[in-house]
Amino acid sequence: MNRRPGPSARLKLTISYAGLVLVTGAVLLAVVWVFLLRYVPDSPQGLLGISPNRYLLSRVFGRAAAVALALLLVFGLVGGWILAGRMLAPLTQITDAARMAGNGSLSHRIRMKGRQDEFRELSDAFDSMLEQLESHVAEQQRFAANASHELRTPLAISQTLLDVARRDPTRDQAEIFERLQAVNTRAIDLTEALLLLSRSDRGNFTRESVDLSLVAEEAAETLLPLAEQRGITLDVTGGAARTSGSAELLLRMVTNLVQNAIVHNLPAGCTVTVHTEAQGDASVLRVENTGHPVPPELVPTLTEPFQRGTERVRTDEHAGVGLGLAIVHSIVRAHDGTLDLAPRPTGGLLVTVRLPGTP
């Protein structure tokens, strides 16, 4: 925004300090004039008639008062300029840091020293904001790089299949069409997942009262054929757990958790348990599955986009796009909740979602 140049804050403070000192000195001199000189007689008295009178004292006092006011003005300007500079020095540091951040450097921190005051509080808040911005920008850059890589792969495969079909017309066209359809389906799934992740990150959705127990039952009913196909027992337990949010996003959250629990499970004979309950002011959803042991150092990376967890077992027909838990984490965060992932001692994973409850 273009603005007309104006006086700096330091100059304004200097003029204010000098004006205050000058007014204070003038008031003191006025007090002396009014309450002292008024009691001095006008006519000379005493020996030889040369005792001090009001006229003589007024001339002497007037010159001294003018000199004193001039000195007070100079002292106020010089002292005010120095004092204002010292007072505004922290603001200069914050301005320089803001200018560097505006130029794209988010790694700079002010780290202002000294005791706590308004400037230090502003500095700490600015450093915290820069830290969060740097983290979000790095996350977005990493996400964009991964997304472009993931989208480029199916497109490259499609291009290769089309080249093969064009160069070799005698090749089985049904096989090529089947593989093209599979690759195209994966690209569509990835695009939809990216759009859903972006929507949940923005948080621009209409909130309504949602019962997590009903959402869990709906997700389990949808995924029951997949569980039966893999020989996995799917149990839904618990009671009502109401929260406020988007029913569509919450259904996708539970569906992703249950689907991950199924496809990352061991072969036939294992279980996936979905439990909902209300705990005080929170509504809790737990999804627990058996399976191979999950290394503790792998757990923090599972909510990162495109981190599929190579130690976990998945089948080719459910290779996924690596956004399942990332979408879950984003939806939970958009609903002001918390997501906790913990490896089970006997193998598998326990996922706990806590959302603000509603009556």
Protein backbone atom coordinates (compact mmCIF):
# COMPACT_ATOMS: atom_id res chain seq x y z
CA MET A 1 0.00 0.00 0.00
CA ASN A 2 1.38 3.39 -1.02
CA ARG A 3 1.27 5.94 1.80
CA ARG A 4 2.39 9.54 2.01
CA PRO A 5 5.62 9.95 4.01
CA GLY A 6 5.11 11.18 7.54
CA PRO A 7 7.13 11.77 10.71
CA SER A 8 8.63 8.73 12.32
CA ALA A 9 7.48 7.35 15.64
CA ARG A 10 10.84 8.34 17.15
CA LEU A 11 10.38 11.96 16.06
CA LYS A 12 6.83 12.02 17.41
CA LEU A 13 7.96 10.65 20.76
CA THR A 14 10.86 13.13 20.86
CA ILE A 15 8.53 16.07 20.26
CA SER A 16 6.15 14.70 22.87
CA TYR A 17 8.91 14.34 25.47
CA ALA A 18 10.31 17.81 24.72
CA GLY A 19 6.85 19.36 24.81
CA LEU A 20 6.10 17.72 28.14
CA VAL A 21 9.38 18.96 29.65
CA LEU A 22 8.81 22.46 28.28
CA VAL A 23 5.23 22.66 29.59
CA THR A 24 6.33 21.36 32.98
CA GLY A 25 9.10 23.98 33.21
CA ALA A 26 6.71 26.73 32.13
CA VAL A 27 4.21 25.72 34.78
CA LEU A 28 6.89 25.77 37.49
CA LEU A 29 8.08 29.21 36.40
CA ALA A 30 4.49 30.45 36.33
CA VAL A 31 3.98 29.16 39.86
CA VAL A 32 7.08 31.06 41.02
CA TRP A 33 5.90 34.20 39.24
CA VAL A 34 2.40 34.10 40.64
CA PHE A 35 3.06 32.98 44.20
CA LEU A 36 6.40 34.70 44.88
CA LEU A 37 6.72 37.90 42.95
CA ARG A 38 3.18 38.98 43.77
CA TYR A 39 4.28 39.60 47.38
CA VAL A 40 7.25 41.80 46.42
CA PRO A 41 6.38 45.53 46.76
CA ASP A 42 6.30 47.71 43.67
CA SER A 43 8.14 50.72 45.19
CA PRO A 44 11.66 50.64 46.62
CA GLN A 45 11.86 50.57 50.40
CA GLY A 46 14.52 50.48 52.98
CA LEU A 47 17.88 52.15 53.22
CA LEU A 48 18.63 54.57 50.35
CA GLY A 49 15.57 53.24 48.52
CA ILE A 50 17.49 50.53 46.68
CA SER A 51 15.92 47.42 48.19
CA PRO A 52 14.62 44.83 45.64
CA ASN A 53 11.28 45.63 44.13
CA ARG A 54 8.92 43.84 41.73
CA TYR A 55 10.20 45.67 38.68
CA LEU A 56 13.86 44.77 39.21
CA LEU A 57 13.08 41.13 40.12
CA SER A 58 10.79 40.78 37.10
CA ARG A 59 13.56 41.87 34.73
CA VAL A 60 16.12 39.57 36.29
CA PHE A 61 13.68 36.66 36.66
CA GLY A 62 12.37 37.05 33.11
CA ARG A 63 15.82 36.67 31.52
CA ALA A 64 16.64 33.68 33.71
CA ALA A 65 13.26 32.07 32.95
CA ALA A 66 13.79 32.47 29.18
CA VAL A 67 17.24 30.88 29.38
CA ALA A 68 15.88 28.05 31.55
CA LEU A 69 13.04 27.34 29.10
CA ALA A 70 15.50 27.30 26.17
CA LEU A 71 17.75 24.84 28.03
CA LEU A 72 14.73 22.69 28.92
CA LEU A 73 13.69 22.61 25.26
CA VAL A 74 17.16 21.54 24.11
CA PHE A 75 17.41 18.97 26.91
CA GLY A 76 13.95 17.63 26.09
CA LEU A 77 14.73 17.26 22.38
CA VAL A 78 18.12 15.61 22.84
CA GLY A 79 17.08 13.44 25.77
CA GLY A 80 13.78 12.56 24.13
CA TRP A 81 15.52 11.53 20.90
CA ILE A 82 17.94 9.24 22.76
CA LEU A 83 15.25 7.84 25.03
CA ALA A 84 12.85 7.22 22.14
CA GLY A 85 15.60 5.45 20.21
CA ARG A 86 16.30 3.12 23.11
CA MET A 87 12.61 2.46 23.66
CA LEU A 88 11.94 1.70 19.98
CA ALA A 89 15.04 -0.43 19.38
CA PRO A 90 13.10 -3.72 20.00
CA LEU A 91 10.46 -2.58 17.51
CA THR A 92 13.20 -2.11 14.91
CA GLN A 93 14.33 -5.71 15.46
CA ILE A 94 10.77 -6.96 15.00
CA THR A 95 10.35 -4.85 11.84
CA ASP A 96 13.57 -6.23 10.36
CA ALA A 97 12.44 -9.79 11.10
CA ALA A 98 9.04 -9.12 9.54
CA ARG A 99 10.70 -7.68 6.44
CA MET A 100 12.92 -10.77 6.14
CA ALA A 101 9.89 -13.02 6.52
CA GLY A 102 8.13 -11.03 3.81
CA ASN A 103 11.07 -11.71 1.50
CA GLY A 104 10.70 -15.45 2.07
CA SER A 105 13.19 -16.09 4.90
CA LEU A 106 11.20 -17.90 7.59
CA SER A 107 14.17 -19.40 9.43
CA HIS A 108 15.15 -16.11 11.10
CA ARG A 109 14.22 -15.68 14.79
CA ILE A 110 14.35 -12.52 16.89
CA ARG A 111 15.01 -14.18 20.26
CA MET A 112 14.93 -10.83 22.04
CA LYS A 113 16.81 -10.78 25.33
CA GLY A 114 15.81 -9.04 28.54
CA ARG A 115 12.97 -9.20 31.00
CA GLN A 116 9.37 -9.74 29.97
CA ASP A 117 7.52 -6.67 28.71
CA GLU A 118 5.21 -5.74 25.84
CA PHE A 119 7.99 -5.78 23.22
CA ARG A 120 9.38 -9.11 24.45
CA GLU A 121 5.88 -10.58 24.42
CA LEU A 122 5.37 -9.37 20.85
CA SER A 123 8.77 -10.76 19.88
CA ASP A 124 8.02 -14.19 21.34
CA ALA A 125 4.64 -14.28 19.61
CA PHE A 126 6.28 -13.32 16.31
CA ASP A 127 8.92 -16.04 16.70
CA SER A 128 6.19 -18.58 17.42
CA MET A 129 4.29 -17.46 14.33
CA LEU A 130 7.42 -17.77 12.18
CA GLU A 131 8.06 -21.26 13.52
CA GLN A 132 4.54 -22.38 12.66
CA LEU A 133 4.70 -20.75 9.23
CA GLU A 134 8.02 -22.41 8.48
CA SER A 135 6.62 -25.76 9.55
CA HIS A 136 3.46 -25.34 7.43
CA VAL A 137 5.40 -24.16 4.38
CA ALA A 138 7.83 -27.08 4.65
CA GLU A 139 4.91 -29.46 5.02
CA GLN A 140 3.13 -27.98 2.00
CA GLN A 141 6.28 -28.12 -0.11
CA ARG A 142 6.88 -31.72 0.86
CA PHE A 143 3.25 -32.55 0.19
CA ALA A 144 3.31 -30.84 -3.21
CA ALA A 145 6.48 -32.70 -4.19
CA ASN A 146 5.05 -36.03 -3.09
CA ALA A 147 1.70 -35.36 -4.76
CA SER A 148 3.33 -34.43 -8.06
CA HIS A 149 5.43 -37.59 -7.88
CA GLU A 150 2.43 -39.78 -7.07
CA LEU A 151 0.34 -38.26 -9.86
CA ARG A 152 3.18 -38.50 -12.37
CA THR A 153 3.56 -42.24 -11.83
CA PRO A 154 0.09 -43.35 -13.05
CA LEU A 155 0.27 -40.90 -15.93
CA ALA A 156 3.62 -42.31 -17.00
CA ILE A 157 2.29 -45.85 -16.76
CA SER A 158 -0.74 -44.89 -18.87
CA GLN A 159 1.54 -43.31 -21.48
CA THR A 160 3.68 -46.45 -21.59
CA LEU A 161 0.67 -48.74 -22.02
CA LEU A 162 -0.67 -46.56 -24.83
CA ASP A 163 2.71 -46.60 -26.57
CA VAL A 164 2.83 -50.40 -26.29
CA ALA A 165 -0.68 -50.73 -27.75
CA ARG A 166 0.20 -48.42 -30.64
CA ARG A 167 3.47 -50.18 -31.50
CA ASP A 168 2.09 -53.72 -31.11
CA PRO A 169 -1.51 -53.95 -32.43
CA THR A 170 -1.45 -57.74 -32.05
CA ARG A 171 -1.05 -57.56 -28.28
CA ASP A 172 -3.98 -58.55 -26.08
CA GLN A 173 -6.03 -55.35 -25.96
CA ALA A 174 -8.19 -56.59 -23.07
CA GLU A 175 -5.15 -56.84 -20.81
CA ILE A 176 -4.01 -53.34 -21.72
CA PHE A 177 -7.48 -51.90 -21.17
CA GLU A 178 -7.69 -53.64 -17.79
CA ARG A 179 -4.35 -52.23 -16.68
CA LEU A 180 -5.28 -48.77 -18.00
CA GLN A 181 -8.51 -48.90 -16.05
CA ALA A 182 -6.66 -49.88 -12.86
CA VAL A 183 -4.13 -47.07 -13.30
CA ASN A 184 -6.86 -44.55 -14.09
CA THR A 185 -8.87 -45.63 -11.03
CA ARG A 186 -5.82 -45.13 -8.84
CA ALA A 187 -5.23 -41.66 -10.27
CA ILE A 188 -8.88 -40.73 -9.64
CA ASP A 189 -8.67 -42.05 -6.07
CA LEU A 190 -5.52 -40.04 -5.47
CA THR A 191 -7.08 -36.86 -6.86
CA GLU A 192 -10.19 -37.27 -4.72
CA ALA A 193 -8.02 -37.89 -1.67
CA LEU A 194 -6.01 -34.75 -2.37
CA LEU A 195 -9.19 -32.69 -2.73
CA LEU A 196 -10.60 -34.13 0.49
CA LEU A 197 -7.36 -33.42 2.33
CA SER A 198 -7.36 -29.83 1.07
CA ARG A 199 -10.99 -29.38 2.11
CA SER A 200 -10.42 -30.69 5.61
CA ASP A 201 -7.30 -28.53 5.98
CA ARG A 202 -9.30 -25.39 5.16
CA GLY A 203 -12.07 -26.33 7.61
CA ASN A 204 -14.77 -24.71 5.46
CA PHE A 205 -17.60 -27.11 6.21
CA THR A 206 -20.98 -26.86 7.88
CA ARG A 207 -21.12 -28.26 11.40
CA GLU A 208 -23.95 -30.39 12.67
CA SER A 209 -24.52 -32.83 15.51
CA VAL A 210 -23.03 -36.24 14.65
CA ASP A 211 -23.14 -39.50 16.62
CA LEU A 212 -19.84 -41.33 16.16
CA SER A 213 -21.46 -44.66 17.06
CA LEU A 214 -23.81 -44.38 14.08
CA VAL A 215 -20.95 -43.32 11.84
CA ALA A 216 -18.91 -46.32 13.02
CA GLU A 217 -21.78 -48.69 12.27
CA GLU A 218 -22.21 -47.24 8.78
CA ALA A 219 -18.48 -47.53 8.04
CA ALA A 220 -18.38 -51.10 9.36
CA GLU A 221 -21.40 -52.08 7.26
CA THR A 222 -19.72 -50.66 4.15
CA LEU A 223 -16.44 -52.47 4.80
CA LEU A 224 -17.93 -55.75 6.04
CA PRO A 225 -17.56 -57.49 2.63
CA LEU A 226 -13.87 -56.59 2.57
CA ALA A 227 -13.40 -57.95 6.10
CA GLU A 228 -15.25 -61.17 5.25
CA GLN A 229 -13.21 -61.58 2.10
CA ARG A 230 -10.01 -61.43 4.17
CA GLY A 231 -11.43 -63.62 6.94
CA ILE A 232 -11.29 -60.83 9.54
CA THR A 233 -13.86 -60.35 12.31
CA LEU A 234 -15.18 -56.78 12.48
CA ASP A 235 -16.76 -55.74 15.80
CA VAL A 236 -18.46 -52.43 16.65
CA THR A 237 -18.96 -51.81 20.38
CA GLY A 238 -19.69 -48.97 22.77
CA GLY A 239 -22.40 -46.37 23.02
CA ALA A 240 -23.40 -42.97 21.75
CA ALA A 241 -20.66 -40.37 21.33
CA ARG A 242 -21.95 -37.12 19.92
CA THR A 243 -19.79 -34.37 18.49
CA SER A 244 -20.20 -31.36 16.23
CA GLY A 245 -18.80 -31.42 12.72
CA SER A 246 -19.22 -32.58 9.14
CA ALA A 247 -20.98 -35.95 8.91
CA GLU A 248 -19.34 -36.60 5.52
CA LEU A 249 -15.81 -35.89 6.74
CA LEU A 250 -16.29 -37.84 9.96
CA LEU A 251 -17.60 -40.81 7.97
CA ARG A 252 -14.52 -40.66 5.74
CA MET A 253 -12.34 -40.47 8.87
CA VAL A 254 -13.86 -43.61 10.40
CA THR A 255 -13.91 -45.42 7.05
CA ASN A 256 -10.22 -44.75 6.49
CA LEU A 257 -9.35 -45.98 9.98
CA VAL A 258 -11.39 -49.17 9.66
CA GLN A 259 -10.12 -49.86 6.14
CA ASN A 260 -6.52 -49.38 7.26
CA ALA A 261 -7.13 -51.72 10.18
CA ILE A 262 -8.50 -54.38 7.81
CA VAL A 263 -5.91 -54.22 5.05
CA HIS A 264 -2.99 -53.94 7.46
CA ASN A 265 -4.14 -57.00 9.41
CA LEU A 266 -2.82 -60.53 9.49
CA PRO A 267 -4.47 -63.32 7.49
CA ALA A 268 -7.70 -65.00 8.49
CA GLY A 269 -8.71 -65.34 12.12
CA CYS A 270 -7.80 -61.81 13.30
CA THR A 271 -10.07 -59.02 14.50
CA VAL A 272 -10.74 -55.33 14.10
CA THR A 273 -12.58 -53.61 16.94
CA VAL A 274 -14.31 -50.23 16.66
CA HIS A 275 -15.37 -48.73 19.98
CA THR A 276 -17.15 -45.43 20.70
CA GLU A 277 -17.91 -43.81 24.03
CA ALA A 278 -18.42 -40.46 25.73
CA GLN A 279 -15.79 -39.47 28.29
CA GLY A 280 -16.70 -36.30 30.12
CA ASP A 281 -16.61 -33.44 27.61
CA ALA A 282 -15.06 -35.59 24.89
CA SER A 283 -16.32 -38.16 22.42
CA VAL A 284 -13.86 -41.00 21.89
CA LEU A 285 -13.44 -43.37 18.94
CA ARG A 286 -11.00 -46.30 19.16
CA VAL A 287 -10.04 -48.52 16.24
CA GLU A 288 -7.87 -51.49 17.20
CA ASN A 289 -6.49 -54.23 15.00
CA THR A 290 -4.23 -57.21 15.39
CA GLY A 291 -1.34 -57.74 13.06
CA HIS A 292 2.42 -57.65 12.79
CA PRO A 293 4.31 -55.58 15.39
CA VAL A 294 4.65 -51.92 14.42
CA PRO A 295 8.07 -50.39 15.21
CA PRO A 296 7.60 -47.45 17.62
CA GLU A 297 9.86 -45.22 15.50
CA LEU A 298 7.53 -45.77 12.52
CA VAL A 299 4.37 -44.60 14.32
CA PRO A 300 5.02 -40.79 14.16
CA THR A 301 5.46 -40.99 10.37
CA LEU A 302 2.18 -42.78 9.65
CA THR A 303 0.16 -39.55 9.52
CA GLU A 304 2.55 -37.97 7.02
CA PRO A 305 1.20 -37.77 3.45
CA PHE A 306 2.32 -40.65 1.21
CA GLN A 307 4.01 -42.47 4.12
CA ARG A 308 2.58 -45.96 3.72
CA GLY A 309 4.68 -47.65 6.37
CA THR A 310 6.73 -50.28 4.61
CA GLU A 311 6.74 -52.54 7.64
CA ARG A 312 2.97 -52.90 7.52
CA VAL A 313 1.27 -55.59 5.46
CA ARG A 314 -0.94 -54.58 2.53
CA THR A 315 -2.25 -56.47 -0.44
CA ASP A 316 -1.75 -55.31 -3.99
CA GLU A 317 -5.45 -54.85 -4.57
CA HIS A 318 -5.50 -52.33 -1.73
CA ALA A 319 -2.21 -50.55 -2.32
CA GLY A 320 -3.81 -47.23 -1.43
CA VAL A 321 -2.46 -43.79 -2.20
CA GLY A 322 -0.64 -43.12 1.07
CA LEU A 323 -3.10 -40.49 2.28
CA GLY A 324 -5.39 -42.52 4.55
CA LEU A 325 -4.02 -41.52 7.95
CA ALA A 326 -2.98 -38.09 6.65
CA ILE A 327 -6.64 -37.42 5.79
CA VAL A 328 -7.70 -38.76 9.19
CA HIS A 329 -5.22 -36.48 10.94
CA SER A 330 -6.38 -33.47 8.92
CA ILE A 331 -10.08 -34.17 9.64
CA VAL A 332 -9.42 -34.63 13.36
CA ARG A 333 -7.44 -31.39 13.46
CA ALA A 334 -10.20 -29.52 11.59
CA HIS A 335 -12.68 -30.73 14.24
CA ASP A 336 -10.46 -29.49 17.11
CA GLY A 337 -9.67 -33.05 18.19
CA THR A 338 -6.61 -35.16 18.88
CA LEU A 339 -5.29 -38.30 17.18
CA ASP A 340 -3.17 -40.84 19.02
CA LEU A 341 -1.50 -43.87 17.45
CA ALA A 342 0.02 -46.53 19.67
CA PRO A 343 1.49 -49.93 18.71
CA ARG A 344 -0.06 -52.90 20.50
CA PRO A 345 2.38 -55.06 22.48
CA THR A 346 1.10 -58.21 20.74
CA GLY A 347 1.13 -56.62 17.27
CA GLY A 348 -1.15 -54.27 15.39
CA LEU A 349 -2.14 -50.71 16.10
CA LEU A 350 -4.49 -48.84 18.42
CA VAL A 351 -5.84 -45.56 17.08
CA THR A 352 -7.66 -43.20 19.45
CA VAL A 353 -9.59 -40.16 18.27
CA ARG A 354 -10.84 -37.60 20.79
CA LEU A 355 -13.28 -34.95 19.62
CA PRO A 356 -15.14 -32.26 21.58
CA GLY A 357 -18.41 -33.74 22.79
CA THR A 358 -21.88 -32.24 22.60
CA PRO A 359 -24.94 -33.04 24.73
